[in-house]
Amino acid sequence: MHRSGVQLLATPDLTLQLGDSLTVVGEAQAIEGVEKILGNAVKQLDEPNLIPVFIGLLLGLLLGSIPFAVPGISLPVKLGLAGGPIILGILIGTFG
């Protein structure tokens, strides 16, 4: 198994992560079964899917433009063009 250019020994407690590359050895029928379960998507990782990125940026910009009141401050506060996408990115990264 290769992860980020490092060869790892496959053990029962090793968890697969996105981008891991496996070398499978066995009969052709068994290898096809593994391919159906895990997939063979090296090409998909080389080409980023930009639609979710732009949707996340748009939602972050919308979040940043919403004013909210803070006690003790007379004017409403906005997260802005940078704060909205950062907060949304943190939330999506945390909760998936």
C-alpha atoms as a PDB file:
ATOM      1  CA  MET A   1       0.000   0.000   0.000  1.00  0.00           C
ATOM      2  CA  HIS A   2       1.264   3.484  -0.850  1.00  0.00           C
ATOM      3  CA  ARG A   3       0.149   6.620   0.975  1.00  0.00           C
ATOM      4  CA  SER A   4       1.624   9.986  -0.042  1.00  0.00           C
ATOM      5  CA  GLY A   5       4.650   8.303  -1.601  1.00  0.00           C
ATOM      6  CA  VAL A   6       5.352   6.140   1.459  1.00  0.00           C
ATOM      7  CA  GLN A   7       5.055   2.373   1.258  1.00  0.00           C
ATOM      8  CA  LEU A   8       3.096   0.925   4.195  1.00  0.00           C
ATOM      9  CA  LEU A   9       2.639  -2.664   5.279  1.00  0.00           C
ATOM     10  CA  ALA A  10      -1.021  -3.654   5.057  1.00  0.00           C
ATOM     11  CA  THR A  11      -2.260  -4.811   8.456  1.00  0.00           C
ATOM     12  CA  PRO A  12      -5.811  -5.583   9.660  1.00  0.00           C
ATOM     13  CA  ASP A  13      -5.964  -2.383  11.739  1.00  0.00           C
ATOM     14  CA  LEU A  14      -4.760  -0.072   8.926  1.00  0.00           C
ATOM     15  CA  THR A  15      -7.575   2.206   7.708  1.00  0.00           C
ATOM     16  CA  LEU A  16      -7.731   3.165   4.032  1.00  0.00           C
ATOM     17  CA  GLN A  17      -7.772   6.876   3.231  1.00  0.00           C
ATOM     18  CA  LEU A  18      -8.607   8.867   0.114  1.00  0.00           C
ATOM     19  CA  GLY A  19      -5.646   8.726  -2.256  1.00  0.00           C
ATOM     20  CA  ASP A  20      -4.217   5.422  -0.999  1.00  0.00           C
ATOM     21  CA  SER A  21      -2.880   3.148  -3.722  1.00  0.00           C
ATOM     22  CA  LEU A  22      -3.074  -0.622  -3.305  1.00  0.00           C
ATOM     23  CA  THR A  23      -1.267  -3.407  -5.101  1.00  0.00           C
ATOM     24  CA  VAL A  24      -3.539  -6.452  -5.142  1.00  0.00           C
ATOM     25  CA  VAL A  25      -2.187  -9.908  -5.978  1.00  0.00           C
ATOM     26  CA  GLY A  26      -4.350 -12.946  -6.677  1.00  0.00           C
ATOM     27  CA  GLU A  27      -6.554 -14.660  -9.205  1.00  0.00           C
ATOM     28  CA  ALA A  28      -8.143 -12.465 -11.870  1.00  0.00           C
ATOM     29  CA  GLN A  29     -11.674 -13.082 -10.585  1.00  0.00           C
ATOM     30  CA  ALA A  30     -10.685 -12.155  -7.013  1.00  0.00           C
ATOM     31  CA  ILE A  31      -8.911  -9.007  -8.213  1.00  0.00           C
ATOM     32  CA  GLU A  32     -12.030  -7.962 -10.155  1.00  0.00           C
ATOM     33  CA  GLY A  33     -14.068  -8.431  -6.969  1.00  0.00           C
ATOM     34  CA  VAL A  34     -11.691  -6.180  -5.036  1.00  0.00           C
ATOM     35  CA  GLU A  35     -11.867  -3.614  -7.841  1.00  0.00           C
ATOM     36  CA  LYS A  36     -15.676  -3.590  -7.656  1.00  0.00           C
ATOM     37  CA  ILE A  37     -15.549  -2.936  -3.906  1.00  0.00           C
ATOM     38  CA  LEU A  38     -12.680  -0.412  -3.761  1.00  0.00           C
ATOM     39  CA  GLY A  39     -12.745   0.983  -7.290  1.00  0.00           C
ATOM     40  CA  ASN A  40      -9.907   1.818  -9.644  1.00  0.00           C
ATOM     41  CA  ALA A  41     -10.019   5.609  -9.759  1.00  0.00           C
ATOM     42  CA  VAL A  42      -6.445   6.874 -10.024  1.00  0.00           C
ATOM     43  CA  LYS A  43      -7.461   9.172 -12.882  1.00  0.00           C
ATOM     44  CA  GLN A  44     -10.294  10.751 -10.873  1.00  0.00           C
ATOM     45  CA  LEU A  45      -7.840  11.873  -8.187  1.00  0.00           C
ATOM     46  CA  ASP A  46      -5.670  13.628 -10.784  1.00  0.00           C
ATOM     47  CA  GLU A  47      -8.572  15.759 -12.041  1.00  0.00           C
ATOM     48  CA  PRO A  48     -10.189  17.834  -9.273  1.00  0.00           C
ATOM     49  CA  ASN A  49     -13.951  18.257  -9.215  1.00  0.00           C
ATOM     50  CA  LEU A  50     -14.308  22.042  -9.023  1.00  0.00           C
ATOM     51  CA  ILE A  51     -18.096  22.250  -8.718  1.00  0.00           C
ATOM     52  CA  PRO A  52     -18.156  21.429  -4.957  1.00  0.00           C
ATOM     53  CA  VAL A  53     -15.333  23.936  -4.409  1.00  0.00           C
ATOM     54  CA  PHE A  54     -17.276  26.739  -6.097  1.00  0.00           C
ATOM     55  CA  ILE A  55     -20.493  25.784  -4.300  1.00  0.00           C
ATOM     56  CA  GLY A  56     -18.609  25.917  -0.983  1.00  0.00           C
ATOM     57  CA  LEU A  57     -17.137  29.309  -1.848  1.00  0.00           C
ATOM     58  CA  LEU A  58     -20.551  30.660  -2.838  1.00  0.00           C
ATOM     59  CA  LEU A  59     -22.134  29.402   0.388  1.00  0.00           C
ATOM     60  CA  GLY A  60     -19.214  30.856   2.355  1.00  0.00           C
ATOM     61  CA  LEU A  61     -19.661  34.241   0.696  1.00  0.00           C
ATOM     62  CA  LEU A  62     -23.371  34.145   1.499  1.00  0.00           C
ATOM     63  CA  LEU A  63     -22.578  33.258   5.114  1.00  0.00           C
ATOM     64  CA  GLY A  64     -20.081  36.115   5.289  1.00  0.00           C
ATOM     65  CA  SER A  65     -22.647  38.641   4.078  1.00  0.00           C
ATOM     66  CA  ILE A  66     -25.200  37.883   6.816  1.00  0.00           C
ATOM     67  CA  PRO A  67     -25.108  40.550   9.543  1.00  0.00           C
ATOM     68  CA  PHE A  68     -25.523  39.481  13.163  1.00  0.00           C
ATOM     69  CA  ALA A  69     -25.752  41.465  16.374  1.00  0.00           C
ATOM     70  CA  VAL A  70     -23.061  41.296  19.044  1.00  0.00           C
ATOM     71  CA  PRO A  71     -23.984  42.528  22.518  1.00  0.00           C
ATOM     72  CA  GLY A  72     -22.145  45.742  23.327  1.00  0.00           C
ATOM     73  CA  ILE A  73     -21.616  46.746  19.675  1.00  0.00           C
ATOM     74  CA  SER A  74     -24.136  49.144  18.177  1.00  0.00           C
ATOM     75  CA  LEU A  75     -23.709  48.061  14.534  1.00  0.00           C
ATOM     76  CA  PRO A  76     -24.294  44.539  13.180  1.00  0.00           C
ATOM     77  CA  VAL A  77     -21.143  42.528  12.417  1.00  0.00           C
ATOM     78  CA  LYS A  78     -20.438  40.509   9.248  1.00  0.00           C
ATOM     79  CA  LEU A  79     -17.819  37.803   8.743  1.00  0.00           C
ATOM     80  CA  GLY A  80     -16.924  39.261   5.338  1.00  0.00           C
ATOM     81  CA  LEU A  81     -15.456  37.802   2.162  1.00  0.00           C
ATOM     82  CA  ALA A  82     -12.722  35.900   4.007  1.00  0.00           C
ATOM     83  CA  GLY A  83     -14.418  34.947   7.269  1.00  0.00           C
ATOM     84  CA  GLY A  84     -17.496  33.320   5.733  1.00  0.00           C
ATOM     85  CA  PRO A  85     -15.622  30.817   3.542  1.00  0.00           C
ATOM     86  CA  ILE A  86     -13.138  30.078   6.342  1.00  0.00           C
ATOM     87  CA  ILE A  87     -15.888  29.331   8.882  1.00  0.00           C
ATOM     88  CA  LEU A  88     -17.839  27.260   6.346  1.00  0.00           C
ATOM     89  CA  GLY A  89     -14.671  25.343   5.393  1.00  0.00           C
ATOM     90  CA  ILE A  90     -13.976  24.569   9.048  1.00  0.00           C
ATOM     91  CA  LEU A  91     -17.559  23.380   9.566  1.00  0.00           C
ATOM     92  CA  ILE A  92     -17.557  21.194   6.439  1.00  0.00           C
ATOM     93  CA  GLY A  93     -14.138  19.781   7.335  1.00  0.00           C
ATOM     94  CA  THR A  94     -15.288  18.959  10.845  1.00  0.00           C
ATOM     95  CA  PHE A  95     -18.730  17.551  10.138  1.00  0.00           C
ATOM     96  CA  GLY A  96     -18.141  16.248   6.610  1.00  0.00           C
END
